[in-house]
Amino acid sequence: HGYVIADLKQWFGGRGQAQQILPLVDLRSLHEFDARRLSFRDGHSRKTTIVNLPLDSLLSGDRSCELPPRNLEFAILVPKTHVRTFSARNGCVVHDLFFSLTSKSTKQTR
């Protein structure tokens, strides 16, 4: 699939000094996002984009149009409740949403 599974610590520091940290789509609920907001500035005072798009709102289609275009490299923060199934890759709604080859709603190839 062309992706790496990393924890937040690896995301914050794992891209190397010369590279910019990837924008982050935070899939946690709005409540979890508000309780613990993430922010990051690199050594050059550049702020990394972090956007909350709760998984439920993406799965329902309410906010899926707000996802970055597929040609833009970005990271996703998977909610704790989905970490185990995401790591297993089979039967995971997060996996199906981000890595399926056809849209469930439009049936078009991605």
C-alpha atoms as a PDB file:
ATOM      1  CA  HIS A   1       0.000   0.000   0.000  1.00  0.00           C
ATOM      2  CA  GLY A   2       2.926   2.395   0.200  1.00  0.00           C
ATOM      3  CA  TYR A   3       2.619   3.575   3.786  1.00  0.00           C
ATOM      4  CA  VAL A   4       4.380   3.215   7.103  1.00  0.00           C
ATOM      5  CA  ILE A   5       2.707   2.586  10.456  1.00  0.00           C
ATOM      6  CA  ALA A   6       4.267   4.912  13.049  1.00  0.00           C
ATOM      7  CA  ASP A   7       3.331   6.227  16.461  1.00  0.00           C
ATOM      8  CA  LEU A   8       3.094   9.946  17.279  1.00  0.00           C
ATOM      9  CA  LYS A   9       6.647  10.095  18.568  1.00  0.00           C
ATOM     10  CA  GLN A  10       7.928   8.695  15.282  1.00  0.00           C
ATOM     11  CA  TRP A  11       5.721  11.117  13.309  1.00  0.00           C
ATOM     12  CA  PHE A  12       7.040  14.116  15.281  1.00  0.00           C
ATOM     13  CA  GLY A  13      10.689  13.169  14.858  1.00  0.00           C
ATOM     14  CA  GLY A  14      10.935  10.367  12.341  1.00  0.00           C
ATOM     15  CA  ARG A  15      11.152  12.307   9.076  1.00  0.00           C
ATOM     16  CA  GLY A  16      14.649  13.658   9.629  1.00  0.00           C
ATOM     17  CA  GLN A  17      15.897  17.185  10.162  1.00  0.00           C
ATOM     18  CA  ALA A  18      15.867  18.227   6.496  1.00  0.00           C
ATOM     19  CA  GLN A  19      12.332  17.103   5.707  1.00  0.00           C
ATOM     20  CA  GLN A  20       9.114  18.770   6.734  1.00  0.00           C
ATOM     21  CA  ILE A  21       6.786  16.773   8.949  1.00  0.00           C
ATOM     22  CA  LEU A  22       3.768  15.507   7.036  1.00  0.00           C
ATOM     23  CA  PRO A  23       0.384  17.200   7.485  1.00  0.00           C
ATOM     24  CA  LEU A  24      -1.771  15.158   9.860  1.00  0.00           C
ATOM     25  CA  VAL A  25      -5.420  14.150   9.536  1.00  0.00           C
ATOM     26  CA  ASP A  26      -6.573  13.378  13.090  1.00  0.00           C
ATOM     27  CA  LEU A  27      -9.359  10.776  12.943  1.00  0.00           C
ATOM     28  CA  ARG A  28     -10.195  10.957  16.645  1.00  0.00           C
ATOM     29  CA  SER A  29     -13.623  12.165  17.750  1.00  0.00           C
ATOM     30  CA  LEU A  30     -14.124  15.892  18.252  1.00  0.00           C
ATOM     31  CA  HIS A  31     -14.320  15.252  22.012  1.00  0.00           C
ATOM     32  CA  GLU A  32     -10.924  13.461  22.028  1.00  0.00           C
ATOM     33  CA  PHE A  33      -9.426  16.137  19.758  1.00  0.00           C
ATOM     34  CA  ASP A  34     -10.632  18.957  22.032  1.00  0.00           C
ATOM     35  CA  ALA A  35      -9.406  17.134  25.148  1.00  0.00           C
ATOM     36  CA  ARG A  36      -5.876  16.763  23.761  1.00  0.00           C
ATOM     37  CA  ARG A  37      -5.011  19.036  20.870  1.00  0.00           C
ATOM     38  CA  LEU A  38      -1.819  18.394  18.989  1.00  0.00           C
ATOM     39  CA  SER A  39       0.394  21.090  17.549  1.00  0.00           C
ATOM     40  CA  PHE A  40       3.880  21.050  16.136  1.00  0.00           C
ATOM     41  CA  ARG A  41       6.437  23.618  14.999  1.00  0.00           C
ATOM     42  CA  ASP A  42       9.725  22.604  13.479  1.00  0.00           C
ATOM     43  CA  GLY A  43      13.064  24.248  14.302  1.00  0.00           C
ATOM     44  CA  HIS A  44      12.325  26.987  11.735  1.00  0.00           C
ATOM     45  CA  SER A  45       9.012  28.024  13.348  1.00  0.00           C
ATOM     46  CA  ARG A  46       7.009  26.413  10.545  1.00  0.00           C
ATOM     47  CA  LYS A  47       3.736  25.075  11.838  1.00  0.00           C
ATOM     48  CA  THR A  48       2.566  21.667  10.610  1.00  0.00           C
ATOM     49  CA  THR A  49      -1.056  21.389   9.499  1.00  0.00           C
ATOM     50  CA  ILE A  50      -3.183  19.215  11.785  1.00  0.00           C
ATOM     51  CA  VAL A  51      -6.856  18.827  10.903  1.00  0.00           C
ATOM     52  CA  ASN A  52      -9.540  16.950  12.834  1.00  0.00           C
ATOM     53  CA  LEU A  53     -11.807  14.897  10.575  1.00  0.00           C
ATOM     54  CA  PRO A  54     -13.532  12.425  12.900  1.00  0.00           C
ATOM     55  CA  LEU A  55     -13.654   8.933  11.447  1.00  0.00           C
ATOM     56  CA  ASP A  56     -17.439   8.678  11.855  1.00  0.00           C
ATOM     57  CA  SER A  57     -17.954  11.855   9.794  1.00  0.00           C
ATOM     58  CA  LEU A  58     -15.718  10.474   7.034  1.00  0.00           C
ATOM     59  CA  LEU A  59     -17.433   7.086   6.979  1.00  0.00           C
ATOM     60  CA  SER A  60     -20.858   8.719   6.765  1.00  0.00           C
ATOM     61  CA  GLY A  61     -19.647  10.893   3.880  1.00  0.00           C
ATOM     62  CA  ASP A  62     -20.428  14.130   5.726  1.00  0.00           C
ATOM     63  CA  ARG A  63     -16.833  15.387   5.623  1.00  0.00           C
ATOM     64  CA  SER A  64     -15.036  13.079   3.193  1.00  0.00           C
ATOM     65  CA  CYS A  65     -14.802  15.938   0.683  1.00  0.00           C
ATOM     66  CA  GLU A  66     -12.435  17.659   3.138  1.00  0.00           C
ATOM     67  CA  LEU A  67      -9.741  14.996   2.793  1.00  0.00           C
ATOM     68  CA  PRO A  68      -6.531  16.037   1.052  1.00  0.00           C
ATOM     69  CA  PRO A  69      -6.181  15.008  -2.595  1.00  0.00           C
ATOM     70  CA  ARG A  70      -4.735  11.523  -3.107  1.00  0.00           C
ATOM     71  CA  ASN A  71      -1.554  12.888  -4.658  1.00  0.00           C
ATOM     72  CA  LEU A  72      -0.683  14.771  -1.433  1.00  0.00           C
ATOM     73  CA  GLU A  73       1.368  12.817   1.088  1.00  0.00           C
ATOM     74  CA  PHE A  74      -0.096  13.074   4.605  1.00  0.00           C
ATOM     75  CA  ALA A  75      -0.256  11.153   7.869  1.00  0.00           C
ATOM     76  CA  ILE A  76      -3.355   9.928   9.694  1.00  0.00           C
ATOM     77  CA  LEU A  77      -3.829   9.577  13.430  1.00  0.00           C
ATOM     78  CA  VAL A  78      -5.847   6.412  13.941  1.00  0.00           C
ATOM     79  CA  PRO A  79      -8.130   6.409  17.029  1.00  0.00           C
ATOM     80  CA  LYS A  80      -7.112   3.968  19.788  1.00  0.00           C
ATOM     81  CA  THR A  81     -10.225   1.898  19.161  1.00  0.00           C
ATOM     82  CA  HIS A  82      -8.993   1.100  15.627  1.00  0.00           C
ATOM     83  CA  VAL A  83      -5.240   0.675  16.160  1.00  0.00           C
ATOM     84  CA  ARG A  84      -5.295  -3.112  16.496  1.00  0.00           C
ATOM     85  CA  THR A  85      -7.513  -3.702  13.445  1.00  0.00           C
ATOM     86  CA  PHE A  86      -5.569  -1.109  11.415  1.00  0.00           C
ATOM     87  CA  SER A  87      -2.301  -2.871  12.162  1.00  0.00           C
ATOM     88  CA  ALA A  88      -3.856  -6.184  11.088  1.00  0.00           C
ATOM     89  CA  ARG A  89      -5.124  -4.511   7.868  1.00  0.00           C
ATOM     90  CA  ASN A  90      -8.017  -6.951   7.376  1.00  0.00           C
ATOM     91  CA  GLY A  91     -11.554  -5.788   8.055  1.00  0.00           C
ATOM     92  CA  CYS A  92     -10.505  -2.314   9.171  1.00  0.00           C
ATOM     93  CA  VAL A  93     -12.776   0.612   8.272  1.00  0.00           C
ATOM     94  CA  VAL A  94      -9.817   3.017   8.287  1.00  0.00           C
ATOM     95  CA  HIS A  95      -7.952   0.815   5.837  1.00  0.00           C
ATOM     96  CA  ASP A  96     -11.001   0.501   3.604  1.00  0.00           C
ATOM     97  CA  LEU A  97     -11.548   4.271   3.610  1.00  0.00           C
ATOM     98  CA  PHE A  98      -8.001   5.305   2.760  1.00  0.00           C
ATOM     99  CA  PHE A  99      -6.664   2.442   0.664  1.00  0.00           C
ATOM    100  CA  SER A 100      -9.543   0.916  -1.291  1.00  0.00           C
ATOM    101  CA  LEU A 101      -9.248   1.131  -5.057  1.00  0.00           C
ATOM    102  CA  THR A 102     -12.903   2.037  -5.634  1.00  0.00           C
ATOM    103  CA  SER A 103     -15.271   4.419  -3.873  1.00  0.00           C
ATOM    104  CA  LYS A 104     -18.096   2.683  -2.006  1.00  0.00           C
ATOM    105  CA  SER A 105     -20.483   5.556  -2.655  1.00  0.00           C
ATOM    106  CA  THR A 106     -19.704   6.330  -6.321  1.00  0.00           C
ATOM    107  CA  LYS A 107     -18.194   2.955  -7.366  1.00  0.00           C
ATOM    108  CA  GLN A 108     -15.527   4.931  -9.280  1.00  0.00           C
ATOM    109  CA  THR A 109     -11.878   3.960  -9.262  1.00  0.00           C
ATOM    110  CA  ARG A 110      -9.554   6.161  -7.271  1.00  0.00           C
END
